Amino acid sequence: TVAGAKVDVNGCELDSDGDGVRDSADNCPDTVPGATVDASGCELDSDHDGVLDSGDKCPNTPAGTPVNADGCEPDDDADGVANSADLCPGTPAGDEVSPFGCSLIRAIALEGVNFLSNDDTLTEASSVILDRVANVLIANGDLVVEIAGHTDAQGPDAYNLDLSQRRAASVRTYLIDKGVPKDRLSSKGYGETEPVADNRTAEGRAKNRRVELRPANQP
């Protein structure tokens, strides 16, 4: 027994908080009952998110993920989908949502997915959104989606249809390369046939040039 240590009636050093580490070596003497501790008697934070295991409601948070006081990734719109996977961060309260965090609607526009002018080459910035899409699809193996390409009304109809088809196919290829099974992805171009805004204005044309996800097996 180390000098000055408190001992029980058998002369053995006390472990006051019952964590298996004797008091003289315990750097965290008030560990909560039942907690798993390290050799210093301090409770573990197994996923290194800054929240001790006993209070961590999400014990396997990916490294580097911001978390709240419960050890869980924030879900600012409270739709049940964490911010990092939420493609629709402002979903109205009470809406039933898809695994992408969007209200159960016919299509989800992938804002931020863009291409070089008159080309089917994705911009580098598009990877931020598409990587999130890939992660959601991989985590939800029952999702089957159509990737729908759309253009504005400038240029010949046939050209726009072909361009939209090639752009949708580029997104499909990107997601497959990220690990999404190809049999869960289809792609189709709609050209200028489904505008969502006024093609007579630059702002409207920009909104019409888009790629959408259409859940193929959504009720």
Protein backbone atom coordinates (compact mmCIF):
# COMPACT_ATOMS: atom_id res chain seq x y z
CA THR A 1 0.00 0.00 0.00
CA VAL A 2 1.33 3.46 -0.87
CA ALA A 3 2.16 5.74 2.02
CA GLY A 4 -0.77 7.80 3.26
CA ALA A 5 -3.36 5.83 1.35
CA LYS A 6 -6.73 5.14 2.95
CA VAL A 7 -7.32 1.43 3.49
CA ASP A 8 -10.18 -0.85 4.39
CA VAL A 9 -10.30 -3.20 7.38
CA ASN A 10 -8.18 -5.69 5.43
CA GLY A 11 -5.43 -3.14 4.85
CA CYS A 12 -6.21 -2.80 1.16
CA GLU A 13 -6.36 0.59 -0.47
CA LEU A 14 -9.81 1.97 -1.09
CA ASP A 15 -11.49 2.39 -4.45
CA SER A 16 -14.06 4.94 -3.34
CA ASP A 17 -15.98 5.20 -6.61
CA GLY A 18 -15.89 1.47 -7.31
CA ASP A 19 -14.44 1.80 -10.80
CA GLY A 20 -11.65 -0.74 -10.31
CA VAL A 21 -8.87 1.83 -9.91
CA ARG A 22 -7.55 2.40 -6.39
CA ASP A 23 -7.85 5.94 -5.04
CA SER A 24 -4.13 6.80 -5.16
CA ALA A 25 -4.05 6.17 -8.93
CA ASP A 26 -7.52 7.51 -9.69
CA ASN A 27 -7.42 10.84 -11.52
CA CYS A 28 -11.23 10.91 -11.69
CA PRO A 29 -12.37 9.92 -8.18
CA ASP A 30 -16.09 10.51 -8.72
CA THR A 31 -16.79 8.35 -11.76
CA VAL A 32 -20.47 7.49 -12.19
CA PRO A 33 -21.40 3.92 -11.20
CA GLY A 34 -20.99 1.35 -13.96
CA ALA A 35 -18.88 3.53 -16.22
CA THR A 36 -15.99 2.00 -18.16
CA VAL A 37 -12.73 3.72 -17.24
CA ASP A 38 -9.12 3.82 -18.38
CA ALA A 39 -6.04 3.00 -16.28
CA SER A 40 -6.25 6.44 -14.67
CA GLY A 41 -9.79 5.86 -13.47
CA CYS A 42 -11.29 8.30 -15.95
CA GLU A 43 -14.35 7.48 -17.98
CA LEU A 44 -13.84 6.65 -21.64
CA ASP A 45 -14.96 8.69 -24.61
CA SER A 46 -14.78 5.86 -27.11
CA ASP A 47 -15.67 7.87 -30.20
CA HIS A 48 -13.59 10.91 -29.16
CA ASP A 49 -16.41 13.39 -29.64
CA GLY A 50 -15.91 15.14 -26.30
CA VAL A 51 -18.90 13.46 -24.62
CA LEU A 52 -18.20 10.72 -22.07
CA ASP A 53 -19.62 7.30 -22.84
CA SER A 54 -22.11 7.33 -19.95
CA GLY A 55 -23.81 10.42 -21.39
CA ASP A 56 -23.29 9.67 -25.07
CA LYS A 57 -26.58 8.79 -26.79
CA CYS A 58 -24.80 8.36 -30.14
CA PRO A 59 -21.70 6.31 -29.21
CA ASN A 60 -20.28 5.76 -32.69
CA THR A 61 -20.15 9.29 -34.09
CA PRO A 62 -17.70 9.53 -37.03
CA ALA A 63 -14.41 11.24 -36.22
CA GLY A 64 -14.51 15.01 -36.54
CA THR A 65 -18.30 15.27 -36.55
CA PRO A 66 -19.70 18.21 -34.54
CA VAL A 67 -22.00 16.96 -31.78
CA ASN A 68 -24.42 18.35 -29.22
CA ALA A 69 -24.40 17.78 -25.46
CA ASP A 70 -25.84 14.29 -25.96
CA GLY A 71 -22.97 13.28 -28.24
CA CYS A 72 -25.22 13.28 -31.29
CA GLU A 73 -24.81 15.16 -34.52
CA PRO A 74 -27.10 18.21 -34.68
CA ASP A 75 -30.41 17.99 -36.53
CA ASP A 76 -31.37 21.65 -36.77
CA ASP A 77 -34.79 21.14 -38.34
CA ALA A 78 -35.64 18.22 -36.03
CA ASP A 79 -36.74 15.93 -38.85
CA GLY A 80 -34.73 12.94 -37.66
CA VAL A 81 -31.99 13.33 -40.27
CA ALA A 82 -28.61 14.66 -39.11
CA ASN A 83 -27.38 17.87 -40.71
CA SER A 84 -24.57 16.19 -42.65
CA ALA A 85 -27.03 13.93 -44.48
CA ASP A 86 -29.86 16.47 -44.78
CA LEU A 87 -30.31 17.79 -48.32
CA CYS A 88 -33.32 19.85 -47.21
CA PRO A 89 -32.19 21.54 -43.96
CA GLY A 90 -35.33 23.65 -43.53
CA THR A 91 -38.02 20.98 -43.68
CA PRO A 92 -41.31 22.23 -42.13
CA ALA A 93 -42.04 20.84 -38.68
CA GLY A 94 -44.09 17.66 -38.76
CA ASP A 95 -43.37 16.74 -42.37
CA GLU A 96 -42.64 13.08 -43.04
CA VAL A 97 -39.24 12.96 -44.69
CA SER A 98 -37.11 10.65 -46.79
CA PRO A 99 -33.65 9.47 -45.67
CA PHE A 100 -32.35 12.59 -47.45
CA GLY A 101 -34.22 14.79 -44.95
CA CYS A 102 -36.65 16.07 -47.58
CA SER A 103 -40.43 16.04 -47.46
CA LEU A 104 -41.87 13.05 -49.26
CA ILE A 105 -42.34 14.68 -52.63
CA ARG A 106 -41.87 13.58 -56.21
CA ALA A 107 -38.37 14.96 -56.72
CA ILE A 108 -35.43 16.42 -54.79
CA ALA A 109 -33.44 19.10 -56.62
CA LEU A 110 -29.71 18.72 -55.96
CA GLU A 111 -28.78 22.35 -55.42
CA GLY A 112 -25.05 22.84 -55.83
CA VAL A 113 -24.64 20.12 -58.45
CA ASN A 114 -23.48 21.91 -61.59
CA PHE A 115 -21.68 21.24 -64.86
CA LEU A 116 -19.30 23.04 -67.18
CA SER A 117 -21.16 25.14 -69.73
CA ASN A 118 -22.78 23.07 -72.50
CA ASP A 119 -21.02 19.98 -71.14
CA ASP A 120 -21.72 16.95 -68.98
CA THR A 121 -18.57 17.40 -66.88
CA LEU A 122 -19.35 17.97 -63.20
CA THR A 123 -17.76 20.93 -61.45
CA GLU A 124 -15.40 20.16 -58.57
CA ALA A 125 -17.78 21.80 -56.10
CA SER A 126 -20.51 19.31 -57.02
CA SER A 127 -18.67 16.56 -55.16
CA VAL A 128 -19.66 18.05 -51.79
CA ILE A 129 -23.35 17.40 -52.47
CA LEU A 130 -22.91 14.16 -54.39
CA ASP A 131 -20.72 12.63 -51.68
CA ARG A 132 -23.52 13.27 -49.19
CA VAL A 133 -26.02 11.70 -51.57
CA ALA A 134 -23.79 8.64 -51.96
CA ASN A 135 -23.44 8.25 -48.19
CA VAL A 136 -27.22 8.37 -47.69
CA LEU A 137 -27.85 5.86 -50.47
CA ILE A 138 -25.22 3.47 -49.12
CA ALA A 139 -26.66 3.74 -45.60
CA ASN A 140 -30.20 3.09 -46.86
CA GLY A 141 -29.92 -0.02 -48.98
CA ASP A 142 -33.61 -0.16 -49.85
CA LEU A 143 -33.61 3.17 -51.70
CA VAL A 144 -33.87 3.04 -55.49
CA VAL A 145 -33.67 6.37 -57.33
CA GLU A 146 -33.92 7.87 -60.76
CA ILE A 147 -31.47 10.68 -61.54
CA ALA A 148 -33.35 13.19 -63.68
CA GLY A 149 -31.55 15.78 -65.80
CA HIS A 150 -33.17 19.06 -66.90
CA THR A 151 -32.12 22.05 -69.01
CA ASP A 152 -33.46 25.51 -69.73
CA ALA A 153 -35.21 26.32 -73.01
CA GLN A 154 -32.28 27.89 -74.81
CA GLY A 155 -31.06 25.93 -77.82
CA PRO A 156 -32.66 23.19 -79.94
CA ASP A 157 -34.96 20.71 -78.20
CA ALA A 158 -32.96 17.70 -79.37
CA TYR A 159 -29.69 19.20 -78.12
CA ASN A 160 -31.19 19.96 -74.71
CA LEU A 161 -32.62 16.46 -74.40
CA ASP A 162 -29.25 14.89 -75.21
CA LEU A 163 -27.40 17.23 -72.83
CA SER A 164 -29.79 16.47 -69.98
CA GLN A 165 -29.41 12.73 -70.56
CA ARG A 166 -25.62 12.97 -70.52
CA ARG A 167 -25.62 15.07 -67.37
CA ALA A 168 -27.91 12.66 -65.54
CA ALA A 169 -25.66 9.79 -66.63
CA SER A 170 -22.60 11.66 -65.29
CA VAL A 171 -24.20 11.91 -61.86
CA ARG A 172 -25.11 8.23 -61.94
CA THR A 173 -21.52 7.30 -62.83
CA TYR A 174 -20.18 9.47 -60.00
CA LEU A 175 -22.44 7.78 -57.43
CA ILE A 176 -21.53 4.31 -58.69
CA ASP A 177 -17.84 5.21 -58.40
CA LYS A 178 -18.54 6.19 -54.77
CA GLY A 179 -19.92 2.73 -54.00
CA VAL A 180 -23.66 2.95 -54.68
CA PRO A 181 -24.83 -0.28 -56.41
CA LYS A 182 -25.63 0.49 -60.03
CA ASP A 183 -28.86 -1.51 -59.99
CA ARG A 184 -30.31 1.03 -57.54
CA LEU A 185 -29.65 3.96 -59.87
CA SER A 186 -31.22 4.88 -63.19
CA SER A 187 -30.77 8.09 -65.16
CA LYS A 188 -33.00 9.93 -67.59
CA GLY A 189 -32.91 13.28 -69.36
CA TYR A 190 -36.01 15.42 -69.71
CA GLY A 191 -34.48 18.31 -71.62
CA GLU A 192 -36.55 21.48 -71.31
CA THR A 193 -39.90 19.71 -70.89
CA GLU A 194 -40.32 20.16 -67.11
CA PRO A 195 -39.46 23.76 -66.20
CA VAL A 196 -39.89 24.91 -62.61
CA ALA A 197 -39.34 28.61 -63.35
CA ASP A 198 -39.70 31.21 -66.11
CA ASN A 199 -37.31 30.55 -69.01
CA ARG A 200 -37.60 34.19 -70.06
CA THR A 201 -35.36 35.33 -67.20
CA ALA A 202 -31.75 34.43 -66.36
CA GLU A 203 -32.77 33.52 -62.82
CA GLY A 204 -35.53 31.26 -64.08
CA ARG A 205 -33.26 29.53 -66.59
CA ALA A 206 -30.71 28.88 -63.83
CA LYS A 207 -33.39 27.14 -61.75
CA ASN A 208 -34.47 25.04 -64.70
CA ARG A 209 -30.93 23.75 -65.27
CA ARG A 210 -30.92 21.15 -62.55
CA VAL A 211 -30.50 17.53 -61.55
CA GLU A 212 -33.12 15.83 -59.40
CA LEU A 213 -33.39 12.62 -57.42
CA ARG A 214 -36.68 10.83 -57.86
CA PRO A 215 -37.17 7.96 -55.40
CA ALA A 216 -38.36 5.10 -57.58
CA ASN A 217 -39.74 3.01 -54.72
CA GLN A 218 -41.27 5.75 -52.59
CA PRO A 219 -44.97 5.30 -51.77
